[in-house]
């Protein structure tokens, strides 16, 4: 928000922050930075978001529900929202014939070894995901287990 205002956006600009999948960690959530043995150890030890790569987005293993939806949680923030409902699949983990016109995205395949945009990293997706928008019990359970704040 601050950067946008500095670039000329209206100073009254408000923000919505989607917290539906940013809980990460559950009981294993770090509470402090890692050891001082190296920069990587220090940073990675305290990193909440455990996606293999920040570009990975589909049904991520380790994701958790974040802050509960609420209006005006902080100055300049209009609301925390759950844009994607908990338990709604981001996409199918394999080709699924359907009459909804929904295709298959390799980023939803847990065996996918990546591309240049995600540093040729594994997708980090959960297996056996249904078509996007359909109920995905395993993702729902993952989000509940790893919620922060805890449920």
N, C-alpha and C. Protein backbone atom coordinates (compact mmCIF):
# COMPACT_ATOMS: atom_id res chain seq x y z
N UNK A 1 0.82 -1.18 0.00
CA UNK A 1 0.00 0.00 0.00
C UNK A 1 0.87 1.25 0.00
N UNK A 2 1.87 1.27 0.86
CA UNK A 2 2.76 2.42 0.95
C UNK A 2 3.45 2.67 -0.39
N UNK A 3 3.91 1.62 -1.03
CA UNK A 3 4.59 1.76 -2.33
C UNK A 3 3.62 2.30 -3.38
N UNK A 4 2.39 1.79 -3.40
CA UNK A 4 1.41 2.27 -4.38
C UNK A 4 1.11 3.75 -4.17
N UNK A 5 0.92 4.16 -2.93
CA UNK A 5 0.66 5.58 -2.63
C UNK A 5 1.86 6.42 -3.08
N UNK A 6 3.09 5.92 -2.85
CA UNK A 6 4.28 6.67 -3.27
C UNK A 6 4.38 6.79 -4.78
N UNK A 7 3.71 5.90 -5.50
CA UNK A 7 3.72 5.94 -6.97
C UNK A 7 2.56 6.74 -7.55
N UNK A 8 1.77 7.36 -6.64
CA UNK A 8 0.71 8.24 -7.12
C UNK A 8 -0.71 7.76 -6.88
N UNK A 9 -0.88 6.58 -6.31
CA UNK A 9 -2.23 6.14 -5.99
C UNK A 9 -2.78 7.02 -4.87
N UNK A 10 -4.10 7.12 -4.80
CA UNK A 10 -4.77 7.93 -3.79
C UNK A 10 -4.34 7.52 -2.39
N UNK A 11 -4.06 8.48 -1.54
CA UNK A 11 -3.63 8.21 -0.17
C UNK A 11 -4.71 7.53 0.66
N UNK A 12 -5.94 7.58 0.20
CA UNK A 12 -7.04 6.90 0.90
C UNK A 12 -7.21 5.46 0.43
N UNK A 13 -6.28 4.99 -0.38
CA UNK A 13 -6.34 3.63 -0.90
C UNK A 13 -6.41 2.62 0.23
N UNK A 14 -7.36 1.74 0.15
CA UNK A 14 -7.48 0.66 1.13
C UNK A 14 -7.02 -0.64 0.49
N UNK A 15 -6.88 -1.65 1.28
CA UNK A 15 -6.39 -2.94 0.78
C UNK A 15 -7.22 -4.07 1.35
N UNK A 16 -7.41 -5.10 0.54
CA UNK A 16 -7.94 -6.38 1.00
C UNK A 16 -6.77 -7.35 0.96
N UNK A 17 -6.59 -8.13 2.01
CA UNK A 17 -5.52 -9.12 2.04
C UNK A 17 -6.15 -10.49 2.17
N UNK A 18 -5.86 -11.35 1.20
CA UNK A 18 -6.38 -12.72 1.21
C UNK A 18 -5.52 -13.55 2.16
N UNK A 19 -6.12 -13.98 3.25
CA UNK A 19 -5.40 -14.77 4.25
C UNK A 19 -5.88 -16.22 4.28
N UNK A 20 -6.58 -16.63 3.21
CA UNK A 20 -7.19 -17.97 3.22
C UNK A 20 -6.20 -19.12 3.17
N UNK A 21 -4.95 -18.85 2.78
CA UNK A 21 -3.98 -19.93 2.67
C UNK A 21 -2.60 -19.52 3.15
N UNK A 22 -2.53 -18.55 4.04
CA UNK A 22 -1.21 -18.08 4.46
C UNK A 22 -0.90 -18.35 5.92
N UNK A 23 -1.57 -19.33 6.53
CA UNK A 23 -1.29 -19.67 7.92
C UNK A 23 0.04 -20.37 8.09
N UNK A 24 0.31 -21.36 7.31
CA UNK A 24 1.58 -22.08 7.27
C UNK A 24 2.18 -22.45 8.62
N UNK A 25 2.37 -23.72 8.79
CA UNK A 25 3.20 -24.19 9.89
C UNK A 25 2.53 -24.92 11.02
N UNK A 26 1.30 -24.54 11.37
CA UNK A 26 0.66 -25.18 12.50
C UNK A 26 1.56 -25.20 13.71
N UNK A 27 1.68 -26.36 14.35
CA UNK A 27 2.51 -26.48 15.55
C UNK A 27 4.00 -26.37 15.23
N UNK A 28 4.38 -26.54 13.97
CA UNK A 28 5.80 -26.44 13.57
C UNK A 28 6.17 -25.04 13.10
N UNK A 29 5.27 -24.08 13.23
CA UNK A 29 5.56 -22.71 12.77
C UNK A 29 6.74 -22.14 13.56
N UNK A 30 7.73 -21.59 12.87
CA UNK A 30 8.89 -21.03 13.55
C UNK A 30 8.49 -19.84 14.43
N UNK A 31 9.20 -19.67 15.51
CA UNK A 31 8.94 -18.54 16.41
C UNK A 31 10.10 -17.55 16.43
N UNK A 32 11.19 -17.90 15.74
CA UNK A 32 12.36 -17.03 15.70
C UNK A 32 13.21 -17.42 14.50
N UNK A 33 14.16 -16.58 14.12
CA UNK A 33 15.06 -16.94 13.02
C UNK A 33 15.87 -18.19 13.36
N UNK A 34 16.48 -18.76 12.33
CA UNK A 34 17.31 -19.94 12.52
C UNK A 34 18.68 -19.60 13.11
N UNK A 35 19.51 -20.60 13.18
CA UNK A 35 20.86 -20.44 13.74
C UNK A 35 21.68 -19.46 12.91
N UNK A 36 22.67 -18.85 13.53
CA UNK A 36 23.52 -17.86 12.88
C UNK A 36 24.66 -18.48 12.09
N UNK A 37 24.61 -19.76 11.82
CA UNK A 37 25.71 -20.45 11.12
C UNK A 37 25.88 -19.99 9.68
N UNK A 38 24.78 -19.56 9.04
CA UNK A 38 24.87 -19.00 7.68
C UNK A 38 23.63 -18.15 7.44
N UNK A 39 23.70 -17.31 6.43
CA UNK A 39 22.54 -16.48 6.08
C UNK A 39 21.35 -17.36 5.74
N UNK A 40 21.58 -18.41 4.94
CA UNK A 40 20.47 -19.30 4.55
C UNK A 40 19.84 -19.98 5.75
N UNK A 41 20.65 -20.48 6.66
CA UNK A 41 20.14 -21.14 7.86
C UNK A 41 19.34 -20.16 8.70
N UNK A 42 19.84 -18.96 8.83
CA UNK A 42 19.17 -17.93 9.62
C UNK A 42 17.80 -17.60 9.02
N UNK A 43 17.76 -17.32 7.72
CA UNK A 43 16.51 -16.94 7.05
C UNK A 43 15.55 -18.12 6.98
N UNK A 44 16.01 -19.27 6.51
CA UNK A 44 15.12 -20.41 6.35
C UNK A 44 14.59 -20.94 7.68
N UNK A 45 15.36 -20.78 8.74
CA UNK A 45 14.91 -21.25 10.04
C UNK A 45 13.68 -20.53 10.56
N UNK A 46 13.51 -19.28 10.18
CA UNK A 46 12.37 -18.50 10.63
C UNK A 46 11.31 -18.28 9.57
N UNK A 47 11.47 -18.91 8.42
CA UNK A 47 10.54 -18.70 7.30
C UNK A 47 9.23 -19.44 7.54
N UNK A 48 8.12 -18.72 7.54
CA UNK A 48 6.80 -19.33 7.74
C UNK A 48 6.34 -20.08 6.49
N UNK A 49 6.42 -19.41 5.35
CA UNK A 49 5.94 -19.96 4.09
C UNK A 49 6.91 -21.04 3.63
N UNK A 50 6.48 -22.27 3.67
CA UNK A 50 7.36 -23.39 3.35
C UNK A 50 7.15 -23.95 1.95
N UNK A 51 6.55 -23.15 1.07
CA UNK A 51 6.46 -23.61 -0.31
C UNK A 51 7.86 -23.86 -0.84
N UNK A 52 8.00 -24.84 -1.71
CA UNK A 52 9.29 -25.14 -2.32
C UNK A 52 9.79 -23.92 -3.08
N UNK A 53 8.87 -23.19 -3.72
CA UNK A 53 9.19 -21.97 -4.45
C UNK A 53 8.01 -21.02 -4.30
N UNK A 54 8.25 -19.73 -4.20
CA UNK A 54 7.17 -18.77 -4.02
C UNK A 54 6.19 -18.75 -5.19
N UNK A 55 6.60 -19.24 -6.36
CA UNK A 55 5.71 -19.29 -7.52
C UNK A 55 4.74 -20.46 -7.49
N UNK A 56 4.89 -21.36 -6.56
CA UNK A 56 3.99 -22.51 -6.45
C UNK A 56 2.70 -22.08 -5.77
N UNK A 57 1.57 -22.41 -6.37
CA UNK A 57 0.31 -21.87 -5.87
C UNK A 57 -0.78 -22.92 -5.73
N UNK A 58 -0.64 -24.08 -6.30
CA UNK A 58 -1.77 -25.00 -6.41
C UNK A 58 -1.81 -26.02 -5.27
N UNK A 59 -2.87 -25.98 -4.45
CA UNK A 59 -3.12 -26.98 -3.40
C UNK A 59 -1.85 -27.33 -2.65
N UNK A 60 -1.19 -26.36 -2.09
CA UNK A 60 0.12 -26.54 -1.48
C UNK A 60 0.10 -27.36 -0.20
N UNK A 61 0.99 -28.35 -0.15
CA UNK A 61 1.21 -29.10 1.09
C UNK A 61 1.80 -28.13 2.11
N UNK A 62 1.31 -28.15 3.32
CA UNK A 62 1.82 -27.29 4.38
C UNK A 62 1.06 -26.00 4.57
N UNK A 63 0.18 -25.64 3.61
CA UNK A 63 -0.58 -24.40 3.75
C UNK A 63 -1.55 -24.50 4.93
N UNK A 64 -1.88 -23.36 5.49
CA UNK A 64 -2.85 -23.31 6.58
C UNK A 64 -3.71 -22.08 6.47
N UNK A 65 -4.86 -22.13 7.10
CA UNK A 65 -5.71 -20.94 7.16
C UNK A 65 -4.96 -19.85 7.91
N UNK A 66 -5.09 -18.62 7.43
CA UNK A 66 -4.45 -17.50 8.09
C UNK A 66 -5.41 -16.75 8.98
N UNK A 67 -5.14 -15.47 9.15
CA UNK A 67 -6.00 -14.62 9.97
C UNK A 67 -7.45 -14.77 9.53
N UNK A 68 -8.35 -14.76 10.51
CA UNK A 68 -9.77 -14.86 10.21
C UNK A 68 -10.23 -13.59 9.51
N UNK A 69 -11.24 -13.74 8.63
CA UNK A 69 -11.77 -12.54 7.98
C UNK A 69 -12.22 -11.51 9.02
N UNK A 70 -11.84 -10.26 8.78
CA UNK A 70 -12.25 -9.19 9.67
C UNK A 70 -12.11 -7.86 8.96
N UNK A 71 -12.95 -6.93 9.33
CA UNK A 71 -12.91 -5.60 8.75
C UNK A 71 -11.90 -4.74 9.51
N UNK A 72 -11.20 -3.89 8.78
CA UNK A 72 -10.28 -2.89 9.32
C UNK A 72 -9.34 -3.43 10.39
N UNK A 73 -8.54 -4.46 10.07
CA UNK A 73 -7.63 -5.02 11.08
C UNK A 73 -6.43 -4.12 11.40
N UNK A 74 -6.11 -3.20 10.49
CA UNK A 74 -4.97 -2.30 10.70
C UNK A 74 -5.15 -1.06 9.83
N UNK A 75 -4.43 -0.02 10.12
CA UNK A 75 -4.52 1.22 9.34
C UNK A 75 -4.21 0.94 7.87
N UNK A 76 -5.08 1.40 6.98
CA UNK A 76 -4.88 1.22 5.54
C UNK A 76 -5.30 -0.14 5.03
N UNK A 77 -5.69 -1.04 5.90
CA UNK A 77 -6.16 -2.37 5.50
C UNK A 77 -7.67 -2.40 5.71
N UNK A 78 -8.41 -2.52 4.61
CA UNK A 78 -9.87 -2.55 4.72
C UNK A 78 -10.37 -3.84 5.34
N UNK A 79 -9.72 -4.95 4.97
CA UNK A 79 -10.18 -6.23 5.53
C UNK A 79 -9.20 -7.35 5.22
N UNK A 80 -9.20 -8.33 6.11
CA UNK A 80 -8.63 -9.64 5.80
C UNK A 80 -9.80 -10.45 5.27
N UNK A 81 -9.60 -11.14 4.16
CA UNK A 81 -10.67 -11.91 3.53
C UNK A 81 -10.18 -13.30 3.15
N UNK A 82 -11.10 -14.23 3.03
CA UNK A 82 -10.81 -15.55 2.49
C UNK A 82 -11.45 -15.60 1.11
N UNK A 83 -10.70 -15.15 0.11
CA UNK A 83 -11.23 -15.10 -1.26
C UNK A 83 -11.49 -16.50 -1.78
N UNK A 84 -10.57 -17.40 -1.54
CA UNK A 84 -10.75 -18.80 -1.94
C UNK A 84 -11.26 -19.54 -0.71
N UNK A 85 -12.48 -20.08 -0.75
CA UNK A 85 -13.00 -20.77 0.43
C UNK A 85 -12.14 -21.97 0.83
N UNK A 86 -11.93 -22.17 2.12
CA UNK A 86 -11.18 -23.34 2.58
C UNK A 86 -11.81 -24.63 2.07
N UNK A 87 -10.98 -25.51 1.51
CA UNK A 87 -11.46 -26.78 0.99
C UNK A 87 -11.80 -26.77 -0.48
N UNK A 88 -11.74 -25.60 -1.11
CA UNK A 88 -12.01 -25.51 -2.55
C UNK A 88 -10.71 -25.78 -3.30
N UNK A 89 -10.73 -26.75 -4.19
CA UNK A 89 -9.53 -27.12 -4.94
C UNK A 89 -9.06 -25.98 -5.84
N UNK A 90 -7.73 -25.81 -5.90
CA UNK A 90 -7.13 -24.84 -6.81
C UNK A 90 -7.05 -25.39 -8.23
N UNK A 91 -7.07 -26.70 -8.36
CA UNK A 91 -6.99 -27.34 -9.68
C UNK A 91 -6.70 -28.82 -9.55
N UNK A 92 -6.99 -29.55 -10.61
CA UNK A 92 -6.84 -31.00 -10.61
C UNK A 92 -5.37 -31.41 -10.70
N UNK A 93 -5.01 -32.48 -9.98
CA UNK A 93 -3.64 -32.97 -9.99
C UNK A 93 -3.34 -33.87 -11.19
N UNK A 94 -4.36 -34.14 -11.98
CA UNK A 94 -4.19 -34.92 -13.23
C UNK A 94 -5.35 -34.56 -14.15
N UNK A 95 -5.25 -34.96 -15.39
CA UNK A 95 -6.31 -34.72 -16.37
C UNK A 95 -7.57 -35.44 -15.91
N UNK A 96 -8.67 -34.69 -15.81
CA UNK A 96 -9.96 -35.26 -15.42
C UNK A 96 -10.98 -34.85 -16.47
N UNK A 97 -11.51 -35.83 -17.23
CA UNK A 97 -12.55 -35.48 -18.21
C UNK A 97 -13.72 -34.78 -17.51
N UNK A 98 -14.18 -33.68 -18.10
CA UNK A 98 -15.29 -32.93 -17.50
C UNK A 98 -16.00 -32.13 -18.56
N UNK A 99 -17.23 -31.71 -18.25
CA UNK A 99 -17.98 -30.89 -19.18
C UNK A 99 -18.02 -29.43 -18.73
N UNK A 100 -17.09 -29.06 -17.84
CA UNK A 100 -17.00 -27.69 -17.35
C UNK A 100 -15.94 -26.89 -18.12
N UNK A 101 -15.24 -27.54 -19.03
CA UNK A 101 -14.20 -26.86 -19.79
C UNK A 101 -12.94 -26.61 -19.00
N UNK A 102 -12.77 -27.34 -17.90
CA UNK A 102 -11.60 -27.13 -17.06
C UNK A 102 -10.47 -28.05 -17.48
N UNK A 103 -9.32 -27.45 -17.74
CA UNK A 103 -8.15 -28.20 -18.16
C UNK A 103 -7.29 -28.60 -16.97
N UNK A 104 -6.12 -29.06 -17.30
CA UNK A 104 -5.16 -29.55 -16.32
C UNK A 104 -3.97 -28.61 -16.32
N UNK A 105 -3.53 -28.20 -15.15
CA UNK A 105 -2.37 -27.33 -15.00
C UNK A 105 -1.28 -28.14 -14.30
N UNK A 106 -0.14 -28.28 -14.93
CA UNK A 106 0.94 -29.08 -14.35
C UNK A 106 1.36 -28.60 -12.97
N UNK A 107 1.16 -27.32 -12.64
CA UNK A 107 1.51 -26.83 -11.31
C UNK A 107 0.65 -27.47 -10.22
N UNK A 108 -0.40 -28.18 -10.60
CA UNK A 108 -1.26 -28.88 -9.64
C UNK A 108 -0.89 -30.36 -9.53
N UNK A 109 0.11 -30.78 -10.28
CA UNK A 109 0.56 -32.18 -10.29
C UNK A 109 1.74 -32.33 -9.33
N UNK A 110 1.58 -33.13 -8.27
CA UNK A 110 2.67 -33.25 -7.29
C UNK A 110 3.95 -33.89 -7.85
N UNK A 111 3.88 -34.52 -9.03
CA UNK A 111 5.07 -35.11 -9.63
C UNK A 111 5.77 -34.15 -10.60
N UNK A 112 5.19 -32.99 -10.83
CA UNK A 112 5.75 -32.02 -11.77
C UNK A 112 7.06 -31.45 -11.24
N UNK A 113 8.08 -31.47 -12.07
CA UNK A 113 9.41 -31.01 -11.67
C UNK A 113 9.67 -29.54 -12.00
N UNK A 114 8.67 -28.81 -12.41
CA UNK A 114 8.77 -27.37 -12.53
C UNK A 114 9.17 -26.83 -13.87
N UNK A 115 9.40 -25.51 -13.88
CA UNK A 115 9.74 -24.77 -15.09
C UNK A 115 10.60 -23.56 -14.69
N UNK A 116 10.96 -22.77 -15.65
CA UNK A 116 11.83 -21.63 -15.37
C UNK A 116 11.20 -20.63 -14.40
N UNK A 117 9.86 -20.49 -14.45
CA UNK A 117 9.19 -19.53 -13.57
C UNK A 117 9.21 -19.93 -12.10
N UNK A 118 9.35 -21.23 -11.83
CA UNK A 118 9.42 -21.63 -10.41
C UNK A 118 10.77 -22.27 -10.09
N UNK A 119 11.78 -21.86 -10.83
CA UNK A 119 13.14 -22.32 -10.55
C UNK A 119 13.34 -23.81 -10.77
N UNK A 120 12.53 -24.39 -11.67
CA UNK A 120 12.58 -25.83 -11.94
C UNK A 120 12.46 -26.63 -10.64
N UNK A 121 11.52 -26.21 -9.80
CA UNK A 121 11.27 -26.86 -8.52
C UNK A 121 10.03 -27.73 -8.61
N UNK A 122 9.95 -28.70 -7.73
CA UNK A 122 8.73 -29.51 -7.63
C UNK A 122 7.56 -28.59 -7.32
N UNK A 123 6.36 -29.02 -7.69
CA UNK A 123 5.18 -28.16 -7.51
C UNK A 123 4.76 -28.00 -6.05
N UNK A 124 5.02 -29.01 -5.22
CA UNK A 124 4.60 -28.94 -3.83
C UNK A 124 3.11 -29.15 -3.61
N UNK A 125 2.41 -29.59 -4.66
CA UNK A 125 0.96 -29.79 -4.58
C UNK A 125 0.58 -31.10 -3.92
N UNK A 126 -0.59 -31.10 -3.32
CA UNK A 126 -1.13 -32.33 -2.75
C UNK A 126 -1.63 -33.24 -3.86
N UNK A 127 -1.54 -34.56 -3.69
CA UNK A 127 -2.02 -35.49 -4.72
C UNK A 127 -3.54 -35.64 -4.71
N UNK A 128 -4.06 -36.21 -5.78
CA UNK A 128 -5.47 -36.59 -5.90
C UNK A 128 -6.43 -35.42 -5.77
N UNK A 129 -6.04 -34.27 -6.28
CA UNK A 129 -6.90 -33.09 -6.22
C UNK A 129 -7.96 -33.15 -7.32
N UNK A 130 -9.19 -32.75 -7.00
CA UNK A 130 -10.26 -32.69 -8.00
C UNK A 130 -10.15 -31.41 -8.84
N UNK A 131 -11.08 -31.22 -9.75
CA UNK A 131 -11.12 -30.02 -10.58
C UNK A 131 -11.19 -28.76 -9.71
N UNK A 132 -10.71 -27.66 -10.25
CA UNK A 132 -10.75 -26.39 -9.51
C UNK A 132 -12.20 -26.07 -9.13
N UNK A 133 -12.33 -25.57 -7.91
CA UNK A 133 -13.65 -25.20 -7.41
C UNK A 133 -14.41 -26.31 -6.73
N UNK A 134 -13.96 -27.55 -6.89
CA UNK A 134 -14.65 -28.66 -6.25
C UNK A 134 -14.08 -28.90 -4.85
N UNK A 135 -14.86 -29.58 -4.02
CA UNK A 135 -14.45 -29.87 -2.65
C UNK A 135 -13.23 -30.78 -2.66
N UNK A 136 -12.23 -30.42 -1.86
CA UNK A 136 -11.00 -31.19 -1.76
C UNK A 136 -10.73 -31.40 -0.27
N UNK A 137 -11.19 -32.51 0.26
CA UNK A 137 -11.11 -32.78 1.69
C UNK A 137 -9.68 -32.74 2.21
N UNK A 138 -8.73 -33.31 1.47
CA UNK A 138 -7.34 -33.33 1.93
C UNK A 138 -6.79 -31.90 2.09
N UNK A 139 -7.13 -31.02 1.17
CA UNK A 139 -6.68 -29.62 1.26
C UNK A 139 -7.34 -28.95 2.47
N UNK A 140 -8.62 -29.20 2.68
CA UNK A 140 -9.32 -28.63 3.82
C UNK A 140 -8.66 -29.07 5.12
N UNK A 141 -8.35 -30.36 5.23
CA UNK A 141 -7.71 -30.87 6.44
C UNK A 141 -6.32 -30.26 6.63
N UNK A 142 -5.59 -30.07 5.54
CA UNK A 142 -4.27 -29.44 5.60
C UNK A 142 -4.38 -28.00 6.12
N UNK A 143 -5.35 -27.27 5.59
CA UNK A 143 -5.56 -25.89 6.01
C UNK A 143 -5.93 -25.79 7.48
N UNK A 144 -6.75 -26.71 7.95
CA UNK A 144 -7.16 -26.72 9.35
C UNK A 144 -5.97 -27.07 10.25
N UNK A 145 -5.23 -28.11 9.87
CA UNK A 145 -4.10 -28.58 10.68
C UNK A 145 -3.02 -27.51 10.83
N UNK A 146 -2.77 -26.76 9.76
CA UNK A 146 -1.67 -25.79 9.74
C UNK A 146 -2.12 -24.35 9.97
N UNK A 147 -3.33 -24.16 10.43
CA UNK A 147 -3.86 -22.80 10.63
C UNK A 147 -3.02 -22.01 11.64
N UNK A 148 -2.88 -20.71 11.31
CA UNK A 148 -2.25 -19.79 12.26
C UNK A 148 -2.96 -18.45 12.15
N UNK A 149 -3.63 -17.99 13.18
CA UNK A 149 -3.69 -18.61 14.48
C UNK A 149 -4.44 -19.95 14.43
N UNK A 150 -4.08 -20.82 15.38
CA UNK A 150 -4.66 -22.16 15.43
C UNK A 150 -6.17 -22.09 15.62
N UNK A 151 -6.83 -23.09 15.12
CA UNK A 151 -8.29 -23.17 15.28
C UNK A 151 -8.65 -23.70 16.64
